[in-house]
């Protein structure tokens, strides 16, 4: 829905995210791979290294989406066309850092409960 809302384009987005069936399959495959790799890494490393890997992995994904949103025409018209591109990217960088931080904190709490 975000890709439709901000009119994001790309091969990956067009193939996987435009169709709900492909999106659900991608989420299922991604979840299985992530759970398997997290359990292996948790056995090999301690929980803090898993949290660092989780932060890096999720930041790359969230940051890429935020950068594409920052360059969309809808976001530019919402935040103002007079705002420099650098500041728009800075705003989305800060948003992606905050989202990633909360995501890693939540996953750390889930991992610690098990």
N, C-alpha and C. Protein backbone atom coordinates (compact mmCIF):
# COMPACT_ATOMS: atom_id res chain seq x y z
N UNK A 1 0.82 -1.19 0.00
CA UNK A 1 0.00 0.00 0.00
C UNK A 1 0.86 1.26 0.00
N UNK A 2 2.02 1.19 0.66
CA UNK A 2 2.92 2.34 0.67
C UNK A 2 3.44 2.60 -0.74
N UNK A 3 3.74 1.50 -1.48
CA UNK A 3 4.25 1.69 -2.83
C UNK A 3 3.21 2.32 -3.73
N UNK A 4 1.93 2.02 -3.53
CA UNK A 4 0.88 2.68 -4.30
C UNK A 4 0.68 4.12 -3.86
N UNK A 5 0.74 4.35 -2.56
CA UNK A 5 0.50 5.68 -2.01
C UNK A 5 1.54 6.68 -2.48
N UNK A 6 2.81 6.28 -2.48
CA UNK A 6 3.88 7.19 -2.88
C UNK A 6 4.37 6.95 -4.30
N UNK A 7 3.70 6.06 -5.03
CA UNK A 7 4.02 5.77 -6.42
C UNK A 7 5.49 5.37 -6.58
N UNK A 8 5.92 4.42 -5.75
CA UNK A 8 7.30 3.95 -5.83
C UNK A 8 7.43 2.98 -7.00
N UNK A 9 8.56 3.06 -7.66
CA UNK A 9 8.79 2.21 -8.81
C UNK A 9 10.08 1.43 -8.62
N UNK A 10 10.15 0.31 -9.28
CA UNK A 10 11.33 -0.55 -9.23
C UNK A 10 10.91 -1.96 -9.57
N UNK A 11 11.86 -2.77 -10.02
CA UNK A 11 11.54 -4.15 -10.39
C UNK A 11 11.02 -4.95 -9.21
N UNK A 12 11.68 -4.80 -8.08
CA UNK A 12 11.28 -5.54 -6.89
C UNK A 12 9.88 -5.13 -6.43
N UNK A 13 9.64 -3.84 -6.39
CA UNK A 13 8.34 -3.34 -5.92
C UNK A 13 7.24 -3.73 -6.90
N UNK A 14 7.50 -3.60 -8.19
CA UNK A 14 6.46 -3.93 -9.17
C UNK A 14 6.10 -5.41 -9.15
N UNK A 15 7.07 -6.28 -8.96
CA UNK A 15 6.78 -7.71 -9.00
C UNK A 15 6.16 -8.21 -7.70
N UNK A 16 6.76 -7.85 -6.57
CA UNK A 16 6.32 -8.42 -5.31
C UNK A 16 5.24 -7.61 -4.61
N UNK A 17 5.33 -6.31 -4.64
CA UNK A 17 4.47 -5.51 -3.80
C UNK A 17 3.16 -5.08 -4.45
N UNK A 18 3.05 -5.17 -5.73
CA UNK A 18 1.81 -4.75 -6.39
C UNK A 18 0.71 -5.81 -6.29
N UNK A 19 1.09 -7.06 -6.11
CA UNK A 19 0.10 -8.14 -6.00
C UNK A 19 0.13 -8.68 -4.57
N UNK A 20 -1.03 -8.81 -3.97
CA UNK A 20 -1.10 -9.24 -2.58
C UNK A 20 -0.59 -10.66 -2.39
N UNK A 21 -0.84 -11.55 -3.35
CA UNK A 21 -0.37 -12.93 -3.23
C UNK A 21 1.15 -12.97 -3.22
N UNK A 22 1.80 -12.24 -4.12
CA UNK A 22 3.27 -12.21 -4.15
C UNK A 22 3.83 -11.58 -2.89
N UNK A 23 3.15 -10.57 -2.36
CA UNK A 23 3.60 -9.90 -1.15
C UNK A 23 3.54 -10.86 0.05
N UNK A 24 2.45 -11.62 0.14
CA UNK A 24 2.32 -12.57 1.25
C UNK A 24 3.36 -13.69 1.16
N UNK A 25 3.63 -14.15 -0.06
CA UNK A 25 4.66 -15.18 -0.25
C UNK A 25 6.03 -14.64 0.14
N UNK A 26 6.32 -13.41 -0.25
CA UNK A 26 7.60 -12.79 0.10
C UNK A 26 7.73 -12.64 1.61
N UNK A 27 6.69 -12.20 2.29
CA UNK A 27 6.73 -12.04 3.74
C UNK A 27 6.92 -13.39 4.42
N UNK A 28 6.25 -14.42 3.93
CA UNK A 28 6.38 -15.76 4.51
C UNK A 28 7.80 -16.29 4.33
N UNK A 29 8.35 -16.17 3.14
CA UNK A 29 9.71 -16.65 2.88
C UNK A 29 10.72 -15.85 3.70
N UNK A 30 10.56 -14.54 3.73
CA UNK A 30 11.46 -13.69 4.50
C UNK A 30 11.40 -14.03 5.99
N UNK A 31 10.21 -14.28 6.50
CA UNK A 31 10.06 -14.61 7.92
C UNK A 31 10.73 -15.94 8.26
N UNK A 32 10.54 -16.92 7.41
CA UNK A 32 11.16 -18.23 7.65
C UNK A 32 12.68 -18.13 7.62
N UNK A 33 13.21 -17.44 6.62
CA UNK A 33 14.67 -17.29 6.53
C UNK A 33 15.19 -16.51 7.73
N UNK A 34 14.48 -15.46 8.14
CA UNK A 34 14.93 -14.67 9.28
C UNK A 34 14.90 -15.48 10.57
N UNK A 35 13.86 -16.23 10.80
CA UNK A 35 13.75 -17.03 12.03
C UNK A 35 14.84 -18.09 12.07
N UNK A 36 15.07 -18.76 10.95
CA UNK A 36 16.13 -19.78 10.91
C UNK A 36 17.51 -19.18 11.13
N UNK A 37 17.79 -18.07 10.46
CA UNK A 37 19.12 -17.46 10.63
C UNK A 37 19.27 -16.87 12.03
N UNK A 38 18.20 -16.35 12.61
CA UNK A 38 18.29 -15.79 13.97
C UNK A 38 18.53 -16.90 15.00
N UNK A 39 17.90 -18.05 14.83
CA UNK A 39 18.14 -19.13 15.78
C UNK A 39 19.55 -19.67 15.66
N UNK A 40 20.07 -19.76 14.45
CA UNK A 40 21.45 -20.21 14.26
C UNK A 40 22.42 -19.20 14.87
N UNK A 41 22.20 -17.93 14.60
CA UNK A 41 23.07 -16.90 15.15
C UNK A 41 22.97 -16.81 16.67
N UNK A 42 21.79 -17.07 17.20
CA UNK A 42 21.62 -17.03 18.65
C UNK A 42 22.37 -18.18 19.32
N UNK A 43 22.46 -19.31 18.64
CA UNK A 43 23.21 -20.44 19.19
C UNK A 43 24.71 -20.19 19.12
N UNK A 44 25.15 -19.52 18.04
CA UNK A 44 26.58 -19.28 17.84
C UNK A 44 27.05 -18.07 18.65
N UNK A 45 26.30 -16.98 18.58
CA UNK A 45 26.68 -15.74 19.25
C UNK A 45 25.75 -15.48 20.42
N UNK A 46 26.08 -14.45 21.17
CA UNK A 46 25.17 -14.07 22.25
C UNK A 46 24.11 -13.10 21.72
N UNK A 47 23.23 -12.69 22.59
CA UNK A 47 22.07 -11.91 22.18
C UNK A 47 22.42 -10.50 21.71
N UNK A 48 23.52 -9.93 22.21
CA UNK A 48 23.87 -8.57 21.78
C UNK A 48 24.36 -8.54 20.33
N UNK A 49 25.07 -9.56 19.91
CA UNK A 49 25.51 -9.61 18.51
C UNK A 49 24.33 -9.84 17.58
N UNK A 50 23.37 -10.61 18.03
CA UNK A 50 22.16 -10.81 17.24
C UNK A 50 21.38 -9.50 17.11
N UNK A 51 21.38 -8.70 18.16
CA UNK A 51 20.69 -7.42 18.11
C UNK A 51 21.40 -6.47 17.14
N UNK A 52 22.71 -6.49 17.09
CA UNK A 52 23.46 -5.65 16.15
C UNK A 52 23.19 -6.07 14.71
N UNK A 53 23.18 -7.36 14.46
CA UNK A 53 22.89 -7.86 13.12
C UNK A 53 21.46 -7.51 12.72
N UNK A 54 20.54 -7.64 13.66
CA UNK A 54 19.15 -7.29 13.42
C UNK A 54 19.02 -5.81 13.09
N UNK A 55 19.74 -4.96 13.82
CA UNK A 55 19.70 -3.52 13.57
C UNK A 55 20.20 -3.20 12.17
N UNK A 56 21.32 -3.75 11.79
CA UNK A 56 21.90 -3.47 10.48
C UNK A 56 20.98 -3.95 9.36
N UNK A 57 20.46 -5.15 9.50
CA UNK A 57 19.60 -5.74 8.47
C UNK A 57 18.31 -4.94 8.31
N UNK A 58 17.66 -4.61 9.41
CA UNK A 58 16.40 -3.88 9.32
C UNK A 58 16.63 -2.43 8.90
N UNK A 59 17.76 -1.84 9.30
CA UNK A 59 18.03 -0.46 8.91
C UNK A 59 18.19 -0.34 7.40
N UNK A 60 18.86 -1.29 6.79
CA UNK A 60 19.05 -1.24 5.33
C UNK A 60 17.70 -1.28 4.62
N UNK A 61 16.81 -2.15 5.07
CA UNK A 61 15.50 -2.26 4.42
C UNK A 61 14.66 -1.01 4.65
N UNK A 62 14.56 -0.57 5.89
CA UNK A 62 13.74 0.59 6.21
C UNK A 62 14.32 1.86 5.58
N UNK A 63 15.63 2.00 5.59
CA UNK A 63 16.27 3.19 5.02
C UNK A 63 16.03 3.28 3.52
N UNK A 64 16.07 2.15 2.83
CA UNK A 64 15.83 2.17 1.39
C UNK A 64 14.41 2.65 1.08
N UNK A 65 13.45 2.16 1.84
CA UNK A 65 12.07 2.59 1.62
C UNK A 65 11.91 4.08 1.94
N UNK A 66 12.53 4.52 3.02
CA UNK A 66 12.43 5.94 3.40
C UNK A 66 13.08 6.85 2.37
N UNK A 67 14.17 6.43 1.78
CA UNK A 67 14.83 7.24 0.75
C UNK A 67 13.94 7.34 -0.49
N UNK A 68 13.31 6.25 -0.86
CA UNK A 68 12.41 6.29 -2.01
C UNK A 68 11.20 7.17 -1.73
N UNK A 69 10.69 7.13 -0.49
CA UNK A 69 9.57 8.00 -0.13
C UNK A 69 10.01 9.46 -0.15
N UNK A 70 11.22 9.75 0.31
CA UNK A 70 11.71 11.13 0.32
C UNK A 70 11.84 11.71 -1.08
N UNK A 71 12.00 10.86 -2.06
CA UNK A 71 12.15 11.34 -3.44
C UNK A 71 10.83 11.32 -4.21
N UNK A 72 9.75 10.88 -3.57
CA UNK A 72 8.46 10.83 -4.26
C UNK A 72 7.83 12.22 -4.32
N UNK A 73 7.03 12.42 -5.34
CA UNK A 73 6.41 13.73 -5.54
C UNK A 73 5.39 14.04 -4.45
N UNK A 74 4.71 13.04 -3.96
CA UNK A 74 3.71 13.26 -2.91
C UNK A 74 4.37 13.77 -1.63
N UNK A 75 5.50 13.19 -1.25
CA UNK A 75 6.21 13.64 -0.05
C UNK A 75 6.77 15.04 -0.24
N UNK A 76 7.30 15.31 -1.43
CA UNK A 76 7.86 16.63 -1.71
C UNK A 76 6.78 17.71 -1.62
N UNK A 77 5.60 17.43 -2.17
CA UNK A 77 4.54 18.43 -2.11
C UNK A 77 3.97 18.55 -0.70
N UNK A 78 4.02 17.47 0.09
CA UNK A 78 3.52 17.53 1.46
C UNK A 78 4.46 18.34 2.36
N UNK A 79 5.76 18.10 2.24
CA UNK A 79 6.71 18.75 3.14
C UNK A 79 7.11 20.14 2.61
N UNK A 80 6.89 20.37 1.36
CA UNK A 80 7.21 21.68 0.77
C UNK A 80 8.30 21.56 -0.26
N UNK A 81 8.05 22.15 -1.41
CA UNK A 81 9.02 22.07 -2.50
C UNK A 81 10.23 22.96 -2.27
N UNK A 82 10.10 23.95 -1.40
CA UNK A 82 11.22 24.85 -1.14
C UNK A 82 12.27 24.20 -0.24
N UNK A 83 11.93 23.11 0.42
CA UNK A 83 12.90 22.42 1.28
C UNK A 83 13.91 21.68 0.42
N UNK A 84 15.17 21.84 0.74
CA UNK A 84 16.26 21.24 -0.03
C UNK A 84 16.20 19.71 0.04
N UNK A 85 16.69 19.07 -1.00
CA UNK A 85 16.69 17.61 -1.06
C UNK A 85 17.49 17.00 0.10
N UNK A 86 18.56 17.64 0.49
CA UNK A 86 19.39 17.15 1.58
C UNK A 86 18.61 17.09 2.89
N UNK A 87 17.81 18.11 3.15
CA UNK A 87 17.03 18.13 4.38
C UNK A 87 15.91 17.09 4.35
N UNK A 88 15.31 16.87 3.17
CA UNK A 88 14.30 15.81 3.05
C UNK A 88 14.91 14.45 3.34
N UNK A 89 16.10 14.22 2.80
CA UNK A 89 16.77 12.95 3.05
C UNK A 89 17.18 12.82 4.52
N UNK A 90 17.58 13.92 5.14
CA UNK A 90 17.93 13.91 6.55
C UNK A 90 16.72 13.57 7.41
N UNK A 91 15.58 14.13 7.08
CA UNK A 91 14.36 13.83 7.83
C UNK A 91 14.02 12.35 7.73
N UNK A 92 14.10 11.81 6.53
CA UNK A 92 13.78 10.39 6.36
C UNK A 92 14.85 9.49 6.98
N UNK A 93 16.08 9.93 7.01
CA UNK A 93 17.14 9.18 7.69
C UNK A 93 16.84 9.08 9.18
N UNK A 94 16.43 10.19 9.78
CA UNK A 94 16.11 10.18 11.21
C UNK A 94 14.88 9.32 11.49
N UNK A 95 13.89 9.39 10.61
CA UNK A 95 12.70 8.54 10.77
C UNK A 95 13.08 7.07 10.67
N UNK A 96 13.94 6.72 9.71
CA UNK A 96 14.33 5.31 9.56
C UNK A 96 15.16 4.83 10.74
N UNK A 97 16.01 5.70 11.30
CA UNK A 97 16.76 5.32 12.51
C UNK A 97 15.82 5.06 13.69
N UNK A 98 14.84 5.92 13.87
CA UNK A 98 13.89 5.73 14.96
C UNK A 98 13.07 4.45 14.78
N UNK A 99 12.59 4.21 13.58
CA UNK A 99 11.82 2.99 13.32
C UNK A 99 12.67 1.75 13.56
N UNK A 100 13.90 1.78 13.10
CA UNK A 100 14.79 0.65 13.29
C UNK A 100 15.11 0.43 14.75
N UNK A 101 15.31 1.49 15.49
CA UNK A 101 15.58 1.37 16.92
C UNK A 101 14.42 0.70 17.65
N UNK A 102 13.20 1.16 17.40
CA UNK A 102 12.05 0.56 18.07
C UNK A 102 11.83 -0.87 17.62
N UNK A 103 12.08 -1.15 16.34
CA UNK A 103 11.94 -2.52 15.84
C UNK A 103 12.94 -3.45 16.53
N UNK A 104 14.18 -3.03 16.67
CA UNK A 104 15.17 -3.89 17.31
C UNK A 104 14.90 -4.04 18.80
N UNK A 105 14.38 -3.01 19.45
CA UNK A 105 14.03 -3.13 20.88
C UNK A 105 12.90 -4.12 21.09
N UNK A 106 11.91 -4.08 20.21
CA UNK A 106 10.79 -5.02 20.32
C UNK A 106 11.26 -6.44 20.07
N UNK A 107 12.06 -6.64 19.04
CA UNK A 107 12.53 -8.00 18.77
C UNK A 107 13.46 -8.50 19.88
N UNK A 108 14.21 -7.62 20.50
CA UNK A 108 15.06 -8.03 21.62
C UNK A 108 14.19 -8.51 22.78
N UNK A 109 13.11 -7.81 23.06
CA UNK A 109 12.22 -8.24 24.13
C UNK A 109 11.56 -9.58 23.82
N UNK A 110 11.21 -9.79 22.56
CA UNK A 110 10.62 -11.07 22.16
C UNK A 110 11.63 -12.19 22.32
N UNK A 111 12.87 -11.95 21.90
CA UNK A 111 13.91 -12.97 22.00
C UNK A 111 14.21 -13.29 23.46
N UNK A 112 14.26 -12.30 24.31
CA UNK A 112 14.55 -12.54 25.73
C UNK A 112 13.45 -13.30 26.46
N UNK A 113 12.21 -13.17 25.98
CA UNK A 113 11.12 -13.87 26.65
C UNK A 113 11.15 -15.36 26.36
N UNK A 114 11.79 -15.77 25.30
CA UNK A 114 11.86 -17.20 24.97
C UNK A 114 13.12 -17.75 25.43
